[in-house]
Every structure is written in structure tokens, then in C-alpha cells.
């Protein structure tokens, strides 16, 4: 048996020096992705968060933090380091 996976939406941040924390920036991008997909957080079955240098903001496990901030802490989240 196979499960079908689909990406319904994506969100991104502005580029440059921003005044928000990496968590706030990532949460805003996540909310944009949810809105572009036309779904609610309760529809999400897994989250994949990609960022660079989360450790600089003392947060290396971004995905679980974002999932919790979206009100879905029980949903699995995977953080992907994006450094070159």
C-alpha cells in the first residue's frame, strides 16, 4: 500500500536583515503557506521547515516549535538545514 503525498502551498520570508526572531519569521512563512493552500493547520499531517543557522537564534529544532505555535504540537515536524 502506498500513501499519496502532496504539497499544497509554500511560504517564504523576505530576504535581508529582519527585526523578528527566526521563529517569528518562520511562523509567518508557515501561515502564508497554509493560506496559499486554502487549508487550516488542523489539515496538516506533517510539516517540513527549512532554514539556515537556527542555532544562531538558539533554536535548532524549528519544525516542532512551528507546529506547536500553529496549535498542532502532535503533528510530526522535520527541520531541514539549508546551509550550502
N, C-alpha and C. Protein backbone atom coordinates (compact mmCIF):
# COMPACT_ATOMS: atom_id res chain seq x y z
N UNK A 1 0.84 -1.17 0.00
CA UNK A 1 0.00 0.00 0.00
C UNK A 1 0.90 1.24 0.00
N UNK A 2 0.54 2.22 -0.79
CA UNK A 2 1.29 3.47 -0.82
C UNK A 2 0.40 4.62 -0.39
N UNK A 3 1.02 5.59 0.19
CA UNK A 3 0.31 6.81 0.57
C UNK A 3 0.66 7.90 -0.41
N UNK A 4 -0.30 8.69 -0.77
CA UNK A 4 -0.05 9.81 -1.66
C UNK A 4 0.31 11.03 -0.82
N UNK A 5 1.29 11.76 -1.29
CA UNK A 5 1.75 12.96 -0.62
C UNK A 5 1.61 14.11 -1.59
N UNK A 6 1.17 15.26 -1.10
CA UNK A 6 1.10 16.42 -1.97
C UNK A 6 1.50 17.67 -1.20
N UNK A 7 2.10 18.58 -1.92
CA UNK A 7 2.44 19.89 -1.39
C UNK A 7 1.39 20.84 -1.92
N UNK A 8 0.64 21.43 -1.02
CA UNK A 8 -0.46 22.30 -1.43
C UNK A 8 -0.10 23.77 -1.46
N UNK A 9 0.89 24.15 -0.67
CA UNK A 9 1.24 25.56 -0.58
C UNK A 9 2.66 25.72 -0.09
N UNK A 10 3.20 26.91 -0.28
CA UNK A 10 4.55 27.21 0.18
C UNK A 10 4.60 28.65 0.66
N UNK A 11 5.48 28.91 1.57
CA UNK A 11 5.66 30.27 2.08
C UNK A 11 7.14 30.57 2.16
N UNK A 12 7.48 31.82 2.08
CA UNK A 12 8.87 32.23 2.15
C UNK A 12 8.96 33.51 2.95
N UNK A 13 10.16 33.88 3.30
CA UNK A 13 10.38 35.12 4.03
C UNK A 13 11.00 36.15 3.11
N UNK A 14 10.99 37.37 3.54
CA UNK A 14 11.72 38.41 2.82
C UNK A 14 13.21 38.12 3.00
N UNK A 15 14.00 38.64 2.11
CA UNK A 15 15.44 38.48 2.21
C UNK A 15 16.03 39.77 2.76
N UNK A 16 17.04 39.65 3.57
CA UNK A 16 17.69 40.82 4.14
C UNK A 16 17.70 40.75 5.65
N UNK A 17 18.12 41.82 6.27
CA UNK A 17 18.17 41.88 7.72
C UNK A 17 16.77 42.20 8.25
N UNK A 18 16.24 41.30 9.04
CA UNK A 18 14.89 41.45 9.57
C UNK A 18 14.95 41.62 11.08
N UNK A 19 13.96 42.27 11.63
CA UNK A 19 13.95 42.56 13.07
C UNK A 19 13.24 41.51 13.91
N UNK A 20 12.61 40.52 13.28
CA UNK A 20 11.92 39.47 14.02
C UNK A 20 12.88 38.32 14.31
N UNK A 21 12.49 37.49 15.28
CA UNK A 21 13.28 36.28 15.56
C UNK A 21 13.06 35.27 14.43
N UNK A 22 13.93 34.29 14.37
CA UNK A 22 13.79 33.26 13.33
C UNK A 22 12.48 32.48 13.52
N UNK A 23 12.03 32.36 14.75
CA UNK A 23 10.76 31.67 15.00
C UNK A 23 9.60 32.49 14.44
N UNK A 24 9.60 33.80 14.69
CA UNK A 24 8.53 34.66 14.16
C UNK A 24 8.54 34.66 12.64
N UNK A 25 9.71 34.74 12.05
CA UNK A 25 9.84 34.76 10.59
C UNK A 25 9.32 33.44 10.00
N UNK A 26 9.74 32.33 10.59
CA UNK A 26 9.32 31.01 10.10
C UNK A 26 7.83 30.78 10.30
N UNK A 27 7.30 31.26 11.41
CA UNK A 27 5.87 31.12 11.67
C UNK A 27 5.06 31.91 10.64
N UNK A 28 5.51 33.11 10.31
CA UNK A 28 4.81 33.91 9.29
C UNK A 28 4.85 33.22 7.93
N UNK A 29 6.00 32.66 7.56
CA UNK A 29 6.10 31.93 6.28
C UNK A 29 5.18 30.71 6.29
N UNK A 30 5.10 30.04 7.43
CA UNK A 30 4.22 28.87 7.55
C UNK A 30 2.76 29.26 7.40
N UNK A 31 2.38 30.36 8.02
CA UNK A 31 1.00 30.84 7.90
C UNK A 31 0.69 31.22 6.46
N UNK A 32 1.67 31.82 5.75
CA UNK A 32 1.48 32.14 4.34
C UNK A 32 1.27 30.87 3.51
N UNK A 33 2.02 29.82 3.81
CA UNK A 33 1.88 28.56 3.09
C UNK A 33 0.50 27.95 3.32
N UNK A 34 0.03 28.01 4.55
CA UNK A 34 -1.30 27.48 4.88
C UNK A 34 -2.38 28.26 4.15
N UNK A 35 -2.23 29.58 4.14
CA UNK A 35 -3.21 30.43 3.44
C UNK A 35 -3.20 30.17 1.94
N UNK A 36 -2.00 30.03 1.35
CA UNK A 36 -1.92 29.80 -0.10
C UNK A 36 -2.50 28.45 -0.49
N UNK A 37 -2.47 27.50 0.44
CA UNK A 37 -3.03 26.18 0.18
C UNK A 37 -4.54 26.14 0.38
N UNK A 38 -5.07 27.14 1.07
CA UNK A 38 -6.52 27.16 1.33
C UNK A 38 -6.94 26.12 2.35
N UNK A 39 -6.07 25.85 3.31
CA UNK A 39 -6.37 24.86 4.35
C UNK A 39 -6.26 25.52 5.73
N UNK A 40 -6.47 24.73 6.76
CA UNK A 40 -6.25 25.18 8.13
C UNK A 40 -5.13 24.33 8.73
N UNK A 41 -4.52 24.78 9.82
CA UNK A 41 -3.48 23.96 10.45
C UNK A 41 -3.96 22.55 10.80
N UNK A 42 -5.21 22.39 11.12
CA UNK A 42 -5.75 21.08 11.51
C UNK A 42 -5.71 20.08 10.34
N UNK A 43 -5.57 20.57 9.10
CA UNK A 43 -5.49 19.70 7.93
C UNK A 43 -4.09 19.14 7.70
N UNK A 44 -3.10 19.67 8.39
CA UNK A 44 -1.70 19.30 8.16
C UNK A 44 -1.39 17.97 8.85
N UNK A 45 -0.75 17.08 8.11
CA UNK A 45 -0.37 15.77 8.65
C UNK A 45 1.12 15.66 8.94
N UNK A 46 1.93 16.56 8.36
CA UNK A 46 3.37 16.62 8.63
C UNK A 46 3.88 17.97 8.17
N UNK A 47 4.91 18.47 8.84
CA UNK A 47 5.49 19.75 8.47
C UNK A 47 6.98 19.63 8.21
N UNK A 48 7.45 20.31 7.18
CA UNK A 48 8.86 20.32 6.82
C UNK A 48 9.32 21.77 6.78
N UNK A 49 10.19 22.13 7.68
CA UNK A 49 10.65 23.50 7.81
C UNK A 49 12.13 23.54 7.46
N UNK A 50 12.50 24.42 6.53
CA UNK A 50 13.88 24.54 6.11
C UNK A 50 14.40 25.93 6.46
N UNK A 51 15.56 25.99 7.08
CA UNK A 51 16.16 27.28 7.41
C UNK A 51 17.67 27.14 7.53
N UNK A 52 18.34 28.27 7.64
CA UNK A 52 19.78 28.29 7.79
C UNK A 52 20.13 28.84 9.17
N UNK A 53 21.01 28.17 9.85
CA UNK A 53 21.58 28.64 11.11
C UNK A 53 20.56 28.92 12.20
N UNK A 54 19.62 28.02 12.39
CA UNK A 54 18.69 28.16 13.51
C UNK A 54 19.41 28.22 14.84
N UNK A 55 20.58 27.60 14.88
CA UNK A 55 21.38 27.60 16.11
C UNK A 55 21.77 29.02 16.51
N UNK A 56 21.88 29.93 15.55
CA UNK A 56 22.23 31.32 15.86
C UNK A 56 21.16 31.99 16.71
N UNK A 57 19.92 31.50 16.61
CA UNK A 57 18.82 32.03 17.42
C UNK A 57 18.48 31.05 18.54
N UNK A 58 19.42 30.16 18.82
CA UNK A 58 19.27 29.14 19.87
C UNK A 58 18.09 28.21 19.63
N UNK A 59 17.83 27.91 18.36
CA UNK A 59 16.73 27.01 18.04
C UNK A 59 17.12 26.15 16.85
N UNK A 60 17.50 24.89 17.12
CA UNK A 60 17.90 24.00 16.03
C UNK A 60 16.79 23.05 15.61
N UNK A 61 15.73 22.97 16.36
CA UNK A 61 14.60 22.10 16.02
C UNK A 61 13.38 22.96 15.71
N UNK A 62 13.45 23.69 14.60
CA UNK A 62 12.42 24.66 14.24
C UNK A 62 11.06 24.03 13.98
N UNK A 63 11.02 22.92 13.29
CA UNK A 63 9.74 22.34 12.88
C UNK A 63 8.82 22.07 14.07
N UNK A 64 9.27 21.39 15.12
CA UNK A 64 8.37 21.16 16.26
C UNK A 64 7.90 22.46 16.92
N UNK A 65 8.78 23.47 16.95
CA UNK A 65 8.40 24.76 17.53
C UNK A 65 7.31 25.41 16.69
N UNK A 66 7.47 25.39 15.38
CA UNK A 66 6.47 25.98 14.48
C UNK A 66 5.16 25.22 14.58
N UNK A 67 5.22 23.90 14.60
CA UNK A 67 3.99 23.11 14.70
C UNK A 67 3.25 23.46 16.00
N UNK A 68 3.97 23.60 17.08
CA UNK A 68 3.34 23.97 18.36
C UNK A 68 2.72 25.36 18.28
N UNK A 69 3.43 26.30 17.65
CA UNK A 69 2.90 27.66 17.53
C UNK A 69 1.70 27.74 16.59
N UNK A 70 1.55 26.77 15.71
CA UNK A 70 0.37 26.71 14.84
C UNK A 70 -0.80 26.02 15.53
N UNK A 71 -0.57 25.54 16.75
CA UNK A 71 -1.64 24.87 17.50
C UNK A 71 -1.77 23.39 17.20
N UNK A 72 -0.75 22.81 16.59
CA UNK A 72 -0.79 21.39 16.24
C UNK A 72 0.50 20.69 16.70
N UNK A 73 0.76 20.71 18.01
CA UNK A 73 2.01 20.13 18.51
C UNK A 73 2.13 18.62 18.32
N UNK A 74 1.02 17.95 18.09
CA UNK A 74 1.01 16.49 17.90
C UNK A 74 1.41 16.08 16.48
N UNK A 75 1.46 17.03 15.55
CA UNK A 75 1.78 16.73 14.15
C UNK A 75 3.31 16.66 14.00
N UNK A 76 3.82 15.61 13.34
CA UNK A 76 5.27 15.49 13.17
C UNK A 76 5.84 16.65 12.35
N UNK A 77 7.01 17.10 12.75
CA UNK A 77 7.69 18.17 12.03
C UNK A 77 9.15 17.83 11.83
N UNK A 78 9.68 18.07 10.64
CA UNK A 78 11.07 17.79 10.32
C UNK A 78 11.77 19.09 9.94
N UNK A 79 12.90 19.35 10.59
CA UNK A 79 13.69 20.54 10.28
C UNK A 79 14.79 20.16 9.30
N UNK A 80 14.95 20.95 8.25
CA UNK A 80 15.97 20.70 7.24
C UNK A 80 16.93 21.88 7.23
N UNK A 81 18.19 21.63 7.51
CA UNK A 81 19.22 22.67 7.48
C UNK A 81 19.51 23.04 6.03
N UNK A 82 19.50 24.32 5.72
CA UNK A 82 19.63 24.76 4.33
C UNK A 82 20.96 25.41 4.00
N UNK A 83 21.93 25.28 4.87
CA UNK A 83 23.23 25.87 4.57
C UNK A 83 23.85 25.18 3.36
N UNK A 84 24.60 25.93 2.58
CA UNK A 84 25.23 25.34 1.41
C UNK A 84 26.38 24.48 1.84
